[in-house]
Amino acid sequence: MFSSVVVLLILFSKSNFARELIATHILFRHGERTPTMLYPSDPNDVSFWPNGLGSLTIRGKFQHILLGQYFRERYSTLLNSTYVASEIFVRSSDYDRTLMSAYLTLLGLYPSSKINISIDHLIATNTWPENLPWQPIPVHTVPKSIEHLLGMSDCAYYSALVQQMHKSERIQNISKEFQDAYNITPSWVTPDILRQLKYISDISAYHLMFMPEINRLRGGPLLRDILENTEDLILNKTKGRKVKVYSGHETTIVAILSFLGINYPHQPPLASALFFDLYRQDNHSYGIQLEYLNMTNGRVAHPIQLPGCENIMCSITTIKRLIQDRLPKDMDKECQIQIKNGK
């Protein structure tokens, strides 16, 4: 639950000005996946997962078709009903599950035919349709070694900070509190154990990004990209591009929320999404409204009032004042910073 500092609201801005949605930036987490690793005594080896470790399940694939359908409902007045290359740009981290999540979301957003598919039946039977309508829409990525926008695969400074955080008294105390939930075998799993593991997962994601320097490095590059794109949109430099979509991970969402000062200890659900909707008001000002679809297969995104903003609709000027000084300027240089004497 959000803290008293940041209130999750279902009301819109108090402003009396009429407003027009002119663009958006969307960040979503990939869908349900297979395990990324096996525990030492796991009776099932990698061959148990036909598509490999860390890959989308059939359920995960449908989660993103449904997410794309929600985007179509949400942005029906912003996007053309058929794909127009100049309107939308999609960026993904270089993982199979995020790339596939992006393609499947686009399938839901831009179906190429009117074929009706019973998604609930297909999920229940764990089957993939042979006649799925499809059209090629580009998804852009960069190699993991130079990824700073949606991941931190090769940043020595960030890795050192994460190791430091894991050794901190804060994290050690959490580990001790729940050590009985570790190293269990499947036969011992009970509903209570599952609740404990869910809680551990939630708070571990949050506490990892609690350190300001970690969430600055992890969330800052993406927020800089969103802010710069927004300014270009306002100045009409983007030549009609109204939507930019980022396919990332739960840590990407947590880093953004933590950077913005939103106190919400949780692990973002599968196929959850953040929306940075850009509005033009009739007093010739511009503002961003942040909304969070914090439920798998959800259909209601909740507005979030950013700390430091008077209303849910936050002016671009205010957002720049709140975050610009913390945004990393040169990630290549920052990743070379050395931690001295454990500090």
Protein backbone atom coordinates (compact mmCIF):
# COMPACT_ATOMS: atom_id res chain seq x y z
CA MET A 1 0.00 0.00 0.00
CA PHE A 2 1.25 3.46 -0.79
CA SER A 3 2.48 5.51 2.14
CA SER A 4 0.70 8.60 3.39
CA VAL A 5 3.24 10.69 1.49
CA VAL A 6 2.04 9.36 -1.86
CA VAL A 7 -1.66 8.63 -2.11
CA LEU A 8 -3.06 6.27 -4.72
CA LEU A 9 -6.09 8.09 -6.08
CA ILE A 10 -8.94 7.37 -8.44
CA LEU A 11 -9.75 11.03 -9.04
CA PHE A 12 -8.33 13.16 -11.81
CA SER A 13 -6.56 16.49 -11.53
CA LYS A 14 -8.28 19.32 -9.71
CA SER A 15 -7.52 21.63 -12.61
CA ASN A 16 -10.58 23.19 -14.24
CA PHE A 17 -8.86 23.49 -17.61
CA ALA A 18 -10.01 21.28 -20.47
CA ARG A 19 -7.28 18.91 -21.56
CA GLU A 20 -6.29 16.85 -24.56
CA LEU A 21 -4.23 13.67 -24.52
CA ILE A 22 -1.49 14.18 -27.10
CA ALA A 23 1.07 11.45 -26.37
CA THR A 24 2.16 8.78 -23.92
CA HIS A 25 5.13 6.73 -22.76
CA ILE A 26 4.36 3.20 -21.57
CA LEU A 27 6.60 0.88 -19.55
CA PHE A 28 5.47 -2.69 -18.96
CA ARG A 29 6.83 -5.82 -17.34
CA HIS A 30 7.06 -9.06 -19.34
CA GLY A 31 4.46 -11.78 -18.84
CA GLU A 32 4.59 -15.08 -16.99
CA ARG A 33 7.84 -16.92 -17.63
CA THR A 34 9.54 -20.19 -16.81
CA PRO A 35 12.16 -20.22 -14.01
CA THR A 36 15.42 -18.45 -14.81
CA MET A 37 17.39 -21.11 -12.91
CA LEU A 38 16.90 -24.50 -11.28
CA TYR A 39 17.55 -25.31 -7.64
CA PRO A 40 20.26 -27.97 -7.01
CA SER A 41 17.94 -30.87 -6.14
CA ASP A 42 15.25 -30.07 -8.71
CA PRO A 43 14.03 -33.41 -10.16
CA ASN A 44 13.30 -31.64 -13.46
CA ASP A 45 16.18 -30.58 -15.68
CA VAL A 46 16.18 -27.86 -18.35
CA SER A 47 14.48 -30.21 -20.83
CA PHE A 48 11.32 -29.99 -18.71
CA TRP A 49 10.92 -26.47 -20.14
CA PRO A 50 10.73 -26.90 -23.96
CA ASN A 51 11.36 -23.22 -24.68
CA GLY A 52 14.17 -22.92 -22.15
CA LEU A 53 14.65 -21.13 -18.86
CA GLY A 54 13.38 -17.57 -18.53
CA SER A 55 11.03 -17.87 -21.51
CA LEU A 56 7.39 -16.83 -21.76
CA THR A 57 4.78 -19.46 -20.99
CA ILE A 58 1.63 -19.74 -23.07
CA ARG A 59 -0.22 -17.92 -20.30
CA GLY A 60 2.43 -15.20 -20.39
CA LYS A 61 1.98 -14.79 -24.14
CA PHE A 62 -1.76 -14.31 -23.80
CA GLN A 63 -1.23 -11.84 -20.95
CA HIS A 64 0.42 -9.55 -23.47
CA ILE A 65 -2.19 -9.97 -26.16
CA LEU A 66 -4.71 -8.90 -23.51
CA LEU A 67 -2.45 -6.01 -22.48
CA GLY A 68 -2.30 -4.85 -26.09
CA GLN A 69 -6.09 -5.02 -26.29
CA TYR A 70 -6.25 -2.80 -23.21
CA PHE A 71 -3.89 -0.33 -24.90
CA ARG A 72 -6.26 -0.29 -27.89
CA GLU A 73 -9.20 0.56 -25.60
CA ARG A 74 -7.21 3.12 -23.65
CA TYR A 75 -5.68 4.95 -26.62
CA SER A 76 -8.36 4.54 -29.28
CA THR A 77 -8.46 8.32 -29.82
CA LEU A 78 -4.68 8.66 -29.88
CA LEU A 79 -3.60 5.86 -32.22
CA ASN A 80 -4.85 4.93 -35.65
CA SER A 81 -6.81 1.67 -35.72
CA THR A 82 -4.19 0.19 -38.05
CA TYR A 83 -0.42 0.33 -37.63
CA VAL A 84 1.21 3.60 -38.71
CA ALA A 85 4.99 3.51 -38.32
CA SER A 86 5.32 7.22 -37.60
CA GLU A 87 2.94 7.03 -34.61
CA ILE A 88 4.62 4.47 -32.37
CA PHE A 89 8.12 3.32 -31.37
CA VAL A 90 8.77 0.19 -29.32
CA ARG A 91 11.95 -0.48 -27.35
CA SER A 92 12.77 -3.71 -25.50
CA SER A 93 15.59 -5.05 -23.40
CA ASP A 94 17.53 -7.79 -25.18
CA TYR A 95 15.87 -10.80 -23.57
CA ASP A 96 13.65 -13.30 -25.36
CA ARG A 97 10.83 -12.80 -22.85
CA THR A 98 10.76 -9.00 -23.17
CA LEU A 99 11.12 -9.04 -26.95
CA MET A 100 8.30 -11.58 -27.28
CA SER A 101 6.19 -9.61 -24.78
CA ALA A 102 6.60 -6.55 -26.98
CA TYR A 103 5.61 -8.39 -30.17
CA LEU A 104 2.58 -9.97 -28.51
CA THR A 105 1.43 -6.67 -27.03
CA LEU A 106 1.57 -5.20 -30.53
CA LEU A 107 -0.49 -8.14 -31.77
CA GLY A 108 -3.19 -7.23 -29.27
CA LEU A 109 -2.91 -3.53 -30.12
CA TYR A 110 -2.97 -4.02 -33.90
CA PRO A 111 -4.80 -7.27 -34.77
CA SER A 112 -4.46 -7.94 -38.50
CA SER A 113 -7.81 -9.71 -38.89
CA LYS A 114 -11.20 -10.11 -37.24
CA ILE A 115 -10.65 -13.76 -36.30
CA ASN A 116 -12.19 -14.41 -32.89
CA ILE A 117 -9.98 -16.30 -30.46
CA SER A 118 -11.18 -17.74 -27.15
CA ILE A 119 -8.21 -16.72 -25.02
CA ASP A 120 -9.70 -18.12 -21.80
CA HIS A 121 -10.12 -21.56 -23.41
CA LEU A 122 -6.61 -21.50 -24.87
CA ILE A 123 -5.11 -20.57 -21.50
CA ALA A 124 -7.11 -23.30 -19.74
CA THR A 125 -5.93 -25.92 -22.25
CA ASN A 126 -2.40 -24.50 -22.44
CA THR A 127 -2.52 -24.43 -26.24
CA TRP A 128 -1.42 -21.91 -28.86
CA PRO A 129 -3.71 -21.24 -31.86
CA GLU A 130 -2.50 -22.18 -35.33
CA ASN A 131 -4.48 -19.46 -37.10
CA LEU A 132 -3.37 -16.48 -35.02
CA PRO A 133 -3.57 -13.23 -37.05
CA TRP A 134 -0.18 -11.56 -37.30
CA GLN A 135 1.60 -8.65 -38.92
CA PRO A 136 5.26 -7.63 -38.64
CA ILE A 137 5.82 -4.53 -36.48
CA PRO A 138 9.39 -3.58 -35.51
CA VAL A 139 10.70 -3.77 -31.95
CA HIS A 140 14.05 -2.12 -31.26
CA THR A 141 16.73 -3.22 -28.81
CA VAL A 142 20.45 -2.96 -28.07
CA PRO A 143 22.94 -5.60 -26.84
CA LYS A 144 22.92 -6.27 -23.09
CA SER A 145 26.52 -5.06 -22.84
CA ILE A 146 25.50 -1.47 -23.63
CA GLU A 147 21.97 -1.49 -22.18
CA HIS A 148 21.34 1.31 -19.68
CA LEU A 149 17.77 2.27 -20.55
CA LEU A 150 15.99 -0.95 -19.51
CA GLY A 151 18.73 -2.88 -17.73
CA MET A 152 22.15 -2.70 -16.11
CA SER A 153 23.86 -5.79 -17.47
CA ASP A 154 27.39 -4.40 -17.63
CA CYS A 155 27.83 -1.60 -15.09
CA ALA A 156 30.52 -2.31 -12.50
CA TYR A 157 29.50 0.55 -10.21
CA TYR A 158 25.86 -0.53 -10.16
CA SER A 159 26.84 -4.16 -9.47
CA ALA A 160 29.07 -3.06 -6.59
CA LEU A 161 26.24 -0.99 -5.11
CA VAL A 162 23.86 -3.95 -5.32
CA GLN A 163 26.39 -6.20 -3.56
CA GLN A 164 26.81 -3.53 -0.90
CA MET A 165 23.05 -3.36 -0.43
CA HIS A 166 22.77 -7.15 -0.04
CA LYS A 167 25.38 -7.01 2.73
CA SER A 168 23.70 -4.11 4.51
CA GLU A 169 22.17 -4.51 7.96
CA ARG A 170 18.75 -3.69 6.50
CA ILE A 171 18.78 -6.62 4.06
CA GLN A 172 20.50 -8.99 6.49
CA ASN A 173 17.77 -8.39 9.06
CA ILE A 174 15.11 -9.17 6.47
CA SER A 175 16.92 -12.39 5.51
CA LYS A 176 17.16 -13.50 9.14
CA GLU A 177 13.48 -12.78 9.72
CA PHE A 178 12.44 -15.15 6.96
CA GLN A 179 15.28 -17.68 6.90
CA ASP A 180 12.86 -20.54 7.66
CA ALA A 181 11.20 -19.91 4.31
CA TYR A 182 14.47 -20.53 2.44
CA ASN A 183 15.88 -23.87 1.32
CA ILE A 184 12.55 -25.68 1.41
CA THR A 185 11.61 -28.62 -0.78
CA PRO A 186 8.39 -28.65 -2.80
CA SER A 187 6.69 -31.17 -0.50
CA TRP A 188 6.92 -28.70 2.37
CA VAL A 189 5.29 -25.84 0.51
CA THR A 190 2.13 -24.67 2.27
CA PRO A 191 -0.13 -21.64 1.68
CA ASP A 192 1.58 -19.93 4.62
CA ILE A 193 5.03 -20.56 3.10
CA LEU A 194 3.82 -19.21 -0.24
CA ARG A 195 2.54 -16.06 1.47
CA GLN A 196 5.92 -15.60 3.16
CA LEU A 197 7.76 -16.10 -0.13
CA LYS A 198 5.46 -13.61 -1.86
CA TYR A 199 6.15 -11.06 0.88
CA ILE A 200 9.90 -11.68 0.62
CA SER A 201 9.71 -11.20 -3.14
CA ASP A 202 7.79 -7.94 -2.73
CA ILE A 203 10.06 -6.36 -0.15
CA SER A 204 13.29 -7.58 -1.78
CA ALA A 205 12.39 -5.84 -5.04
CA TYR A 206 11.53 -2.66 -3.15
CA HIS A 207 14.51 -2.64 -0.77
CA LEU A 208 17.00 -3.28 -3.58
CA MET A 209 15.93 -0.01 -5.18
CA PHE A 210 15.56 1.83 -1.86
CA MET A 211 19.15 3.12 -2.05
CA PRO A 212 18.95 6.46 -3.93
CA GLU A 213 22.11 5.83 -5.92
CA ILE A 214 20.82 2.45 -7.13
CA ASN A 215 17.43 3.74 -8.27
CA ARG A 216 19.15 6.76 -9.83
CA LEU A 217 21.35 4.52 -12.00
CA ARG A 218 18.62 1.98 -12.72
CA GLY A 219 15.69 4.34 -13.31
CA GLY A 220 17.40 7.59 -14.25
CA PRO A 221 18.32 6.78 -17.88
CA LEU A 222 14.75 5.77 -18.72
CA LEU A 223 13.27 8.84 -17.03
CA ARG A 224 15.74 11.02 -18.94
CA ASP A 225 14.59 9.39 -22.18
CA ILE A 226 10.94 9.99 -21.29
CA LEU A 227 11.59 13.61 -20.29
CA GLU A 228 13.62 14.38 -23.43
CA ASN A 229 11.02 12.72 -25.67
CA THR A 230 8.28 14.70 -23.93
CA GLU A 231 10.08 17.98 -24.53
CA ASP A 232 10.53 17.04 -28.20
CA LEU A 233 6.81 16.27 -28.44
CA ILE A 234 5.91 19.65 -27.00
CA LEU A 235 8.28 21.36 -29.46
CA ASN A 236 6.86 19.19 -32.28
CA LYS A 237 10.22 17.62 -33.11
CA THR A 238 9.01 14.03 -33.23
CA LYS A 239 7.08 14.25 -36.52
CA GLY A 240 3.86 12.67 -35.32
CA ARG A 241 5.21 9.98 -33.01
CA LYS A 242 2.64 9.86 -30.23
CA VAL A 243 3.53 6.69 -28.35
CA LYS A 244 6.76 5.18 -27.10
CA VAL A 245 6.60 1.76 -25.49
CA TYR A 246 9.26 0.12 -23.32
CA SER A 247 9.25 -3.63 -22.68
CA GLY A 248 11.18 -4.28 -19.49
CA HIS A 249 11.28 -6.05 -16.16
CA GLU A 250 9.85 -5.75 -12.66
CA THR A 251 13.09 -4.10 -11.56
CA THR A 252 12.60 -1.46 -14.25
CA ILE A 253 9.21 -0.50 -12.85
CA VAL A 254 10.40 -0.58 -9.23
CA ALA A 255 13.39 1.62 -10.10
CA ILE A 256 11.15 4.21 -11.75
CA LEU A 257 8.72 4.30 -8.83
CA SER A 258 11.56 4.48 -6.30
CA PHE A 259 13.34 7.25 -8.23
CA LEU A 260 10.11 9.26 -8.21
CA GLY A 261 9.78 8.83 -4.44
CA ILE A 262 6.74 6.56 -4.57
CA ASN A 263 6.76 4.38 -1.46
CA TYR A 264 5.03 1.19 -2.61
CA PRO A 265 6.82 -1.99 -1.38
CA HIS A 266 5.76 -4.66 -3.87
CA GLN A 267 6.87 -6.72 -6.83
CA PRO A 268 5.17 -5.40 -9.98
CA PRO A 269 2.74 -8.05 -11.28
CA LEU A 270 3.30 -9.88 -14.55
CA ALA A 271 2.36 -7.75 -17.56
CA SER A 272 1.77 -4.70 -15.34
CA ALA A 273 2.32 -1.27 -16.87
CA LEU A 274 3.11 2.36 -16.07
CA PHE A 275 1.62 5.12 -18.24
CA PHE A 276 3.12 8.60 -18.56
CA ASP A 277 0.25 10.35 -20.34
CA LEU A 278 1.06 13.79 -21.76
CA TYR A 279 -1.80 16.29 -21.83
CA ARG A 280 -2.13 19.73 -23.35
CA GLN A 281 -4.42 22.04 -21.39
CA ASP A 282 -6.32 24.96 -22.88
CA ASN A 283 -4.23 27.43 -20.91
CA HIS A 284 -1.37 26.33 -23.23
CA SER A 285 0.43 24.41 -20.49
CA TYR A 286 1.48 20.76 -20.55
CA GLY A 287 1.32 18.14 -17.86
CA ILE A 288 1.97 14.45 -17.28
CA GLN A 289 -0.39 12.12 -15.47
CA LEU A 290 1.22 8.92 -14.18
CA GLU A 291 -1.04 5.87 -13.97
CA TYR A 292 -0.25 2.32 -12.88
CA LEU A 293 -1.94 -0.83 -14.16
CA ASN A 294 -0.85 -2.88 -11.16
CA MET A 295 -2.72 -6.09 -11.92
CA THR A 296 -2.13 -8.89 -14.44
CA ASN A 297 -4.89 -8.79 -17.07
CA GLY A 298 -6.24 -5.68 -15.36
CA ARG A 299 -8.49 -3.12 -16.98
CA VAL A 300 -8.24 -0.24 -14.51
CA ALA A 301 -5.09 1.88 -14.22
CA HIS A 302 -4.77 3.96 -11.06
CA PRO A 303 -3.52 7.56 -11.15
CA ILE A 304 -0.60 8.34 -8.83
CA GLN A 305 0.15 11.76 -7.43
CA LEU A 306 3.89 12.36 -7.55
CA PRO A 307 5.58 13.74 -4.43
CA GLY A 308 6.15 17.45 -4.95
CA CYS A 309 3.22 17.86 -7.35
CA GLU A 310 0.09 19.70 -6.27
CA ASN A 311 -2.27 17.52 -8.32
CA ILE A 312 -2.30 14.20 -10.13
CA MET A 313 -1.64 16.17 -13.30
CA CYS A 314 1.93 17.39 -12.83
CA SER A 315 3.32 20.19 -14.97
CA ILE A 316 6.40 19.50 -17.07
CA THR A 317 8.14 22.40 -15.33
CA THR A 318 7.54 20.82 -11.92
CA ILE A 319 8.65 17.37 -13.03
CA LYS A 320 11.88 18.79 -14.45
CA ARG A 321 12.53 20.65 -11.21
CA LEU A 322 11.95 17.49 -9.17
CA ILE A 323 14.07 15.02 -11.12
CA GLN A 324 16.45 16.71 -13.55
CA ASP A 325 19.34 17.21 -11.12
CA ARG A 326 19.34 13.48 -10.26
CA LEU A 327 19.34 12.17 -13.82
CA PRO A 328 22.62 10.48 -14.85
CA LYS A 329 24.42 12.46 -17.54
CA ASP A 330 27.01 9.94 -18.77
CA MET A 331 26.34 6.31 -17.84
CA ASP A 332 29.59 5.06 -19.35
CA LYS A 333 31.56 7.28 -16.98
CA GLU A 334 29.35 6.60 -13.98
CA CYS A 335 29.67 2.85 -14.42
CA GLN A 336 33.45 3.20 -13.97
CA ILE A 337 33.14 4.80 -10.51
CA GLN A 338 34.90 2.76 -7.84
CA ILE A 339 33.48 2.23 -4.36
CA LYS A 340 36.25 2.95 -1.86
CA ASN A 341 36.54 1.40 1.59
CA GLY A 342 33.12 -0.18 1.28
CA LYS A 343 31.43 3.21 0.97
